[in-house]
Amino acid sequence: MQNEIRQLLTDKSEIAYRDFSAALIPESKPLLGVRLPVLRKLARELVKKNDWKTMICSYTGDYEDVYFEETMLRGMIIGYGTEKEEAGTALNLIKDFIPHIDNWSICDSFCNSLGFAARNREIVWDFLQTYLYSDKEFEVRVAVVILLNHFLKYDKSGKKISRKKVITMEDVEHNTRAENVQIYPYLERILSVLNREYNQGYYARMAVAWTAAEAFVTFPYETMQMLQKECCMDAWTYQKTLQKICESKNPDEKVKQYIRYMKNNYKGL
């Protein structure tokens, strides 16, 4: 079955796309050049088959992925396949796959497809604690990106909210903490996770900065409080967070000026 899938991926490959992608993911396994929408469609088709678990569990045998797309496809199959699985089975499959994540692209696509997390947040929150405090770069990134995709912007009923279209200084200064703590049960917990030093590597730190910036454009008051008062973020991640906030289209010019002032006058935390 694995050889059949490899051939199927080879048939769907594009040389020009392979060369383009290779420059963006230099640390990955060799690429075939299969586009993400094609991989997603294939993953969903394979999940409909009764033997999808056998396909993704072959790491325990002699078969090993050669190409980037093989690992990406496995992650997507797990993401889509575990959506309605029982917690024990799903978490074991996720746990077995995480050590094979070795680049940002597979990490982020896997996390995005992980519908199981959205339906089992408290179970997944507990599961992620080991990875959030791991000393391995991509274990940390996986955990943080799952929080970003499936926890940060959801209220207690499971409804997703959008980032604010325009953020003003009034939004930054208006105290919404008491109300939002009641509505968004993971907000304070996520900000607490972000508010510490990260030294596991570039991709872990970038995930933290990305998530903190997304928190700001959704919950500007609470995030600003974290960035200004007793902030424990390491200097690199703190500065990168401010940079990403300024790069966003959502804060108005006064807010960006204030963020630039914070960035330029940073003296260490």
Protein backbone atom coordinates (compact mmCIF):
# COMPACT_ATOMS: atom_id res chain seq x y z
CA MET A 1 0.00 0.00 0.00
CA GLN A 2 2.81 2.41 0.82
CA ASN A 3 4.43 1.89 -2.56
CA GLU A 4 1.08 2.52 -4.24
CA ILE A 5 0.71 5.80 -2.37
CA ARG A 6 4.25 6.84 -3.27
CA GLN A 7 3.51 6.19 -6.92
CA LEU A 8 0.25 8.10 -6.65
CA LEU A 9 2.09 11.08 -5.18
CA THR A 10 4.73 10.86 -7.90
CA ASP A 11 2.03 10.93 -10.55
CA LYS A 12 0.59 14.12 -9.02
CA SER A 13 3.94 15.89 -8.70
CA GLU A 14 5.00 19.07 -10.53
CA ILE A 15 8.66 19.82 -11.09
CA ALA A 16 8.26 23.61 -11.07
CA TYR A 17 6.26 23.50 -7.84
CA ARG A 18 8.84 21.16 -6.29
CA ASP A 19 11.64 23.61 -7.02
CA PHE A 20 9.61 26.55 -5.67
CA SER A 21 8.67 24.71 -2.46
CA ALA A 22 12.18 23.40 -1.84
CA ALA A 23 13.42 26.96 -1.40
CA LEU A 24 10.78 27.60 1.28
CA ILE A 25 11.37 24.39 3.22
CA PRO A 26 15.13 23.80 3.01
CA GLU A 27 15.23 21.49 6.05
CA SER A 28 12.69 18.99 4.72
CA LYS A 29 13.02 15.55 3.17
CA PRO A 30 13.25 15.56 -0.65
CA LEU A 31 10.14 17.00 -2.27
CA LEU A 32 8.10 15.57 -5.12
CA GLY A 33 6.17 18.78 -5.76
CA VAL A 34 2.55 17.91 -4.90
CA ARG A 35 0.33 20.88 -4.11
CA LEU A 36 -1.37 21.10 -0.70
CA PRO A 37 -4.96 21.06 -2.03
CA VAL A 38 -4.14 17.83 -3.88
CA LEU A 39 -2.69 16.31 -0.70
CA ARG A 40 -5.75 17.36 1.33
CA LYS A 41 -8.13 15.84 -1.20
CA LEU A 42 -6.13 12.62 -1.29
CA ALA A 43 -6.01 12.44 2.52
CA ARG A 44 -9.79 12.79 2.77
CA GLU A 45 -10.28 10.08 0.16
CA LEU A 46 -7.95 7.70 1.98
CA VAL A 47 -9.62 8.35 5.35
CA LYS A 48 -12.86 7.03 3.87
CA LYS A 49 -11.16 3.65 3.53
CA ASN A 50 -11.29 1.26 6.44
CA ASP A 51 -7.53 0.64 6.43
CA TRP A 52 -6.38 4.24 6.94
CA LYS A 53 -4.98 3.45 10.40
CA THR A 54 -2.86 0.67 8.94
CA MET A 55 -1.43 3.09 6.41
CA ILE A 56 -0.29 5.66 8.94
CA CYS A 57 0.93 3.13 11.51
CA SER A 58 3.60 1.66 9.21
CA TYR A 59 6.29 3.66 11.05
CA THR A 60 6.53 0.68 13.38
CA GLY A 61 7.53 -1.57 10.48
CA ASP A 62 10.33 -1.50 7.95
CA TYR A 63 8.77 1.20 5.77
CA GLU A 64 10.04 4.74 6.20
CA ASP A 65 9.02 7.94 4.46
CA VAL A 66 11.43 9.10 1.78
CA TYR A 67 9.58 12.19 0.56
CA PHE A 68 8.22 15.27 2.29
CA GLU A 69 4.75 14.65 0.82
CA GLU A 70 4.55 11.18 2.34
CA THR A 71 4.95 12.59 5.83
CA MET A 72 2.62 15.49 5.05
CA LEU A 73 -0.01 13.06 3.80
CA ARG A 74 0.28 10.94 6.95
CA GLY A 75 -0.26 13.99 9.11
CA MET A 76 -3.34 15.00 7.15
CA ILE A 77 -4.76 11.48 7.30
CA ILE A 78 -4.32 11.49 11.08
CA GLY A 79 -5.86 14.96 11.29
CA TYR A 80 -8.96 14.05 9.30
CA GLY A 81 -9.16 10.44 10.44
CA THR A 82 -9.07 11.07 14.18
CA GLU A 83 -11.79 13.72 14.09
CA LYS A 84 -14.44 11.31 15.40
CA GLU A 85 -12.17 8.76 17.05
CA GLU A 86 -12.23 8.00 20.75
CA ALA A 87 -9.74 10.04 22.76
CA GLY A 88 -7.34 7.22 23.59
CA THR A 89 -6.95 6.09 20.00
CA ALA A 90 -6.67 9.62 18.63
CA LEU A 91 -4.08 10.78 21.16
CA ASN A 92 -1.93 7.71 20.59
CA LEU A 93 -1.89 8.32 16.84
CA ILE A 94 -1.07 11.99 17.34
CA LYS A 95 1.66 11.15 19.86
CA ASP A 96 3.24 8.63 17.47
CA PHE A 97 3.27 11.15 14.61
CA ILE A 98 4.70 14.21 16.39
CA PRO A 99 8.33 12.94 16.47
CA HIS A 100 8.27 12.78 12.66
CA ILE A 101 7.48 16.49 12.30
CA ASP A 102 10.72 18.17 11.31
CA ASN A 103 9.68 21.35 9.48
CA TRP A 104 7.19 24.20 9.78
CA SER A 105 5.10 23.20 6.79
CA ILE A 106 4.20 19.70 7.96
CA CYS A 107 3.69 21.05 11.48
CA ASP A 108 1.25 23.77 10.50
CA SER A 109 -0.74 21.69 7.99
CA PHE A 110 -1.06 18.84 10.49
CA CYS A 111 -2.21 21.17 13.26
CA ASN A 112 -4.71 22.88 10.97
CA SER A 113 -6.29 19.53 10.01
CA LEU A 114 -6.61 18.31 13.60
CA GLY A 115 -10.36 18.54 14.07
CA PHE A 116 -10.15 16.23 17.08
CA ALA A 117 -8.63 19.10 19.08
CA ALA A 118 -11.58 21.39 18.41
CA ARG A 119 -14.00 18.78 19.75
CA ASN A 120 -11.99 17.68 22.75
CA ARG A 121 -10.30 20.85 23.99
CA GLU A 122 -9.86 20.02 27.65
CA ILE A 123 -8.45 16.57 26.89
CA VAL A 124 -6.11 18.03 24.27
CA TRP A 125 -5.09 20.89 26.58
CA ASP A 126 -3.85 18.35 29.13
CA PHE A 127 -2.17 16.32 26.39
CA LEU A 128 -0.27 19.37 25.10
CA GLN A 129 1.35 20.31 28.39
CA THR A 130 4.29 17.94 27.89
CA TYR A 131 4.92 19.43 24.45
CA LEU A 132 4.52 23.06 25.50
CA TYR A 133 7.35 22.60 27.98
CA SER A 134 9.47 20.31 25.83
CA ASP A 135 13.06 21.19 24.95
CA LYS A 136 12.45 20.13 21.31
CA GLU A 137 11.78 22.85 18.78
CA PHE A 138 9.00 21.25 16.77
CA GLU A 139 7.25 19.69 19.75
CA VAL A 140 6.82 23.20 21.11
CA ARG A 141 5.71 24.55 17.73
CA VAL A 142 3.11 21.78 17.32
CA ALA A 143 1.59 22.54 20.72
CA VAL A 144 1.54 26.32 20.22
CA VAL A 145 0.06 26.12 16.71
CA ILE A 146 -2.68 23.78 17.95
CA LEU A 147 -3.54 26.37 20.60
CA LEU A 148 -3.62 29.06 17.92
CA ASN A 149 -5.79 27.06 15.52
CA HIS A 150 -8.20 25.35 17.88
CA PHE A 151 -8.27 27.20 21.22
CA LEU A 152 -7.46 30.91 21.11
CA LYS A 153 -10.46 32.31 19.25
CA TYR A 154 -13.22 30.03 20.51
CA ASP A 155 -15.79 30.92 23.14
CA LYS A 156 -17.09 28.53 25.78
CA SER A 157 -19.83 27.29 23.42
CA GLY A 158 -17.25 26.41 20.76
CA LYS A 159 -18.14 29.29 18.45
CA LYS A 160 -15.22 30.88 16.64
CA ILE A 161 -14.77 34.65 16.54
CA SER A 162 -12.82 36.73 14.06
CA ARG A 163 -10.01 39.15 14.75
CA LYS A 164 -11.04 42.80 15.07
CA LYS A 165 -11.08 44.57 11.70
CA VAL A 166 -9.68 47.78 13.17
CA ILE A 167 -7.89 48.09 16.50
CA THR A 168 -7.74 51.53 18.10
CA MET A 169 -6.07 52.79 21.26
CA GLU A 170 -9.50 52.65 22.87
CA ASP A 171 -9.53 48.88 22.24
CA VAL A 172 -6.07 48.58 23.74
CA GLU A 173 -6.95 50.59 26.83
CA HIS A 174 -10.51 49.42 27.45
CA ASN A 175 -10.56 46.77 30.17
CA THR A 176 -12.34 43.70 28.77
CA ARG A 177 -10.58 41.15 30.95
CA ALA A 178 -13.42 40.21 33.30
CA GLU A 179 -15.91 39.76 30.47
CA ASN A 180 -13.57 37.89 28.15
CA VAL A 181 -12.31 35.54 30.85
CA GLN A 182 -15.89 34.37 31.25
CA ILE A 183 -16.55 34.03 27.52
CA TYR A 184 -13.18 32.67 26.32
CA PRO A 185 -12.07 29.97 28.76
CA TYR A 186 -8.59 29.44 27.28
CA LEU A 187 -7.55 33.07 26.77
CA GLU A 188 -5.81 33.59 30.12
CA ARG A 189 -4.23 30.15 29.99
CA ILE A 190 -2.81 30.73 26.53
CA LEU A 191 -1.41 34.15 27.46
CA SER A 192 0.23 32.51 30.47
CA VAL A 193 1.81 29.90 28.21
CA LEU A 194 3.14 32.59 25.86
CA ASN A 195 4.50 34.70 28.71
CA ARG A 196 7.79 32.91 29.33
CA GLU A 197 11.21 32.44 27.78
CA TYR A 198 11.52 30.22 24.72
CA ASN A 199 14.94 28.96 23.72
CA GLN A 200 14.03 25.79 21.81
CA GLY A 201 14.78 27.28 18.41
CA TYR A 202 13.65 29.67 15.69
CA TYR A 203 10.47 27.85 14.67
CA ALA A 204 9.23 27.47 18.23
CA ARG A 205 9.82 31.17 18.91
CA MET A 206 8.17 32.21 15.66
CA ALA A 207 5.09 30.19 16.57
CA VAL A 208 4.89 31.97 19.93
CA ALA A 209 5.30 35.41 18.33
CA TRP A 210 2.71 34.56 15.66
CA THR A 211 0.22 33.38 18.30
CA ALA A 212 0.84 36.41 20.54
CA ALA A 213 0.29 38.74 17.58
CA GLU A 214 -2.94 36.93 16.71
CA ALA A 215 -4.01 37.22 20.33
CA PHE A 216 -3.40 40.97 20.15
CA VAL A 217 -5.58 41.52 17.06
CA THR A 218 -8.38 39.54 18.71
CA PHE A 219 -7.97 40.47 22.38
CA PRO A 220 -5.92 43.71 22.33
CA TYR A 221 -6.42 44.73 25.96
CA GLU A 222 -5.54 41.38 27.53
CA THR A 223 -2.57 40.85 25.25
CA MET A 224 -1.20 44.34 25.85
CA GLN A 225 -1.41 43.75 29.58
CA MET A 226 0.70 40.63 29.11
CA LEU A 227 3.24 42.51 26.97
CA GLN A 228 3.55 45.47 29.34
CA LYS A 229 3.10 44.21 32.90
CA GLU A 230 5.46 41.59 34.33
CA CYS A 231 6.21 40.24 30.89
CA CYS A 232 8.50 37.21 31.02
CA MET A 233 8.96 36.63 27.29
CA ASP A 234 12.53 36.35 26.06
CA ALA A 235 13.81 39.41 24.22
CA TRP A 236 13.82 37.89 20.72
CA THR A 237 10.25 36.57 20.92
CA TYR A 238 9.01 39.79 22.53
CA GLN A 239 10.50 41.93 19.77
CA LYS A 240 9.26 39.59 17.06
CA THR A 241 5.75 39.74 18.53
CA LEU A 242 5.76 43.53 18.35
CA GLN A 243 7.09 43.38 14.81
CA LYS A 244 4.31 41.03 13.70
CA ILE A 245 1.66 43.22 15.33
CA CYS A 246 2.98 46.19 13.36
CA GLU A 247 2.93 44.14 10.16
CA SER A 248 -0.76 43.36 10.63
CA LYS A 249 -3.33 45.48 8.78
CA ASN A 250 -5.71 45.51 11.76
CA PRO A 251 -4.12 47.99 14.22
CA ASP A 252 -4.64 51.61 13.21
CA GLU A 253 -1.71 53.98 12.85
CA LYS A 254 -1.86 55.27 16.43
CA VAL A 255 -1.68 51.73 17.78
CA LYS A 256 1.22 50.92 15.47
CA GLN A 257 3.03 54.05 16.59
CA TYR A 258 2.63 52.96 20.20
CA ILE A 259 3.87 49.45 19.41
CA ARG A 260 6.88 50.92 17.59
CA TYR A 261 7.59 53.08 20.63
CA MET A 262 7.53 49.94 22.81
CA LYS A 263 9.85 48.19 20.37
CA ASN A 264 12.33 51.05 20.03
CA ASN A 265 12.46 51.72 23.76
CA TYR A 266 12.78 48.13 24.82
CA LYS A 267 15.43 47.73 27.52
CA GLY A 268 14.99 44.13 28.44
CA LEU A 269 12.56 42.35 30.70
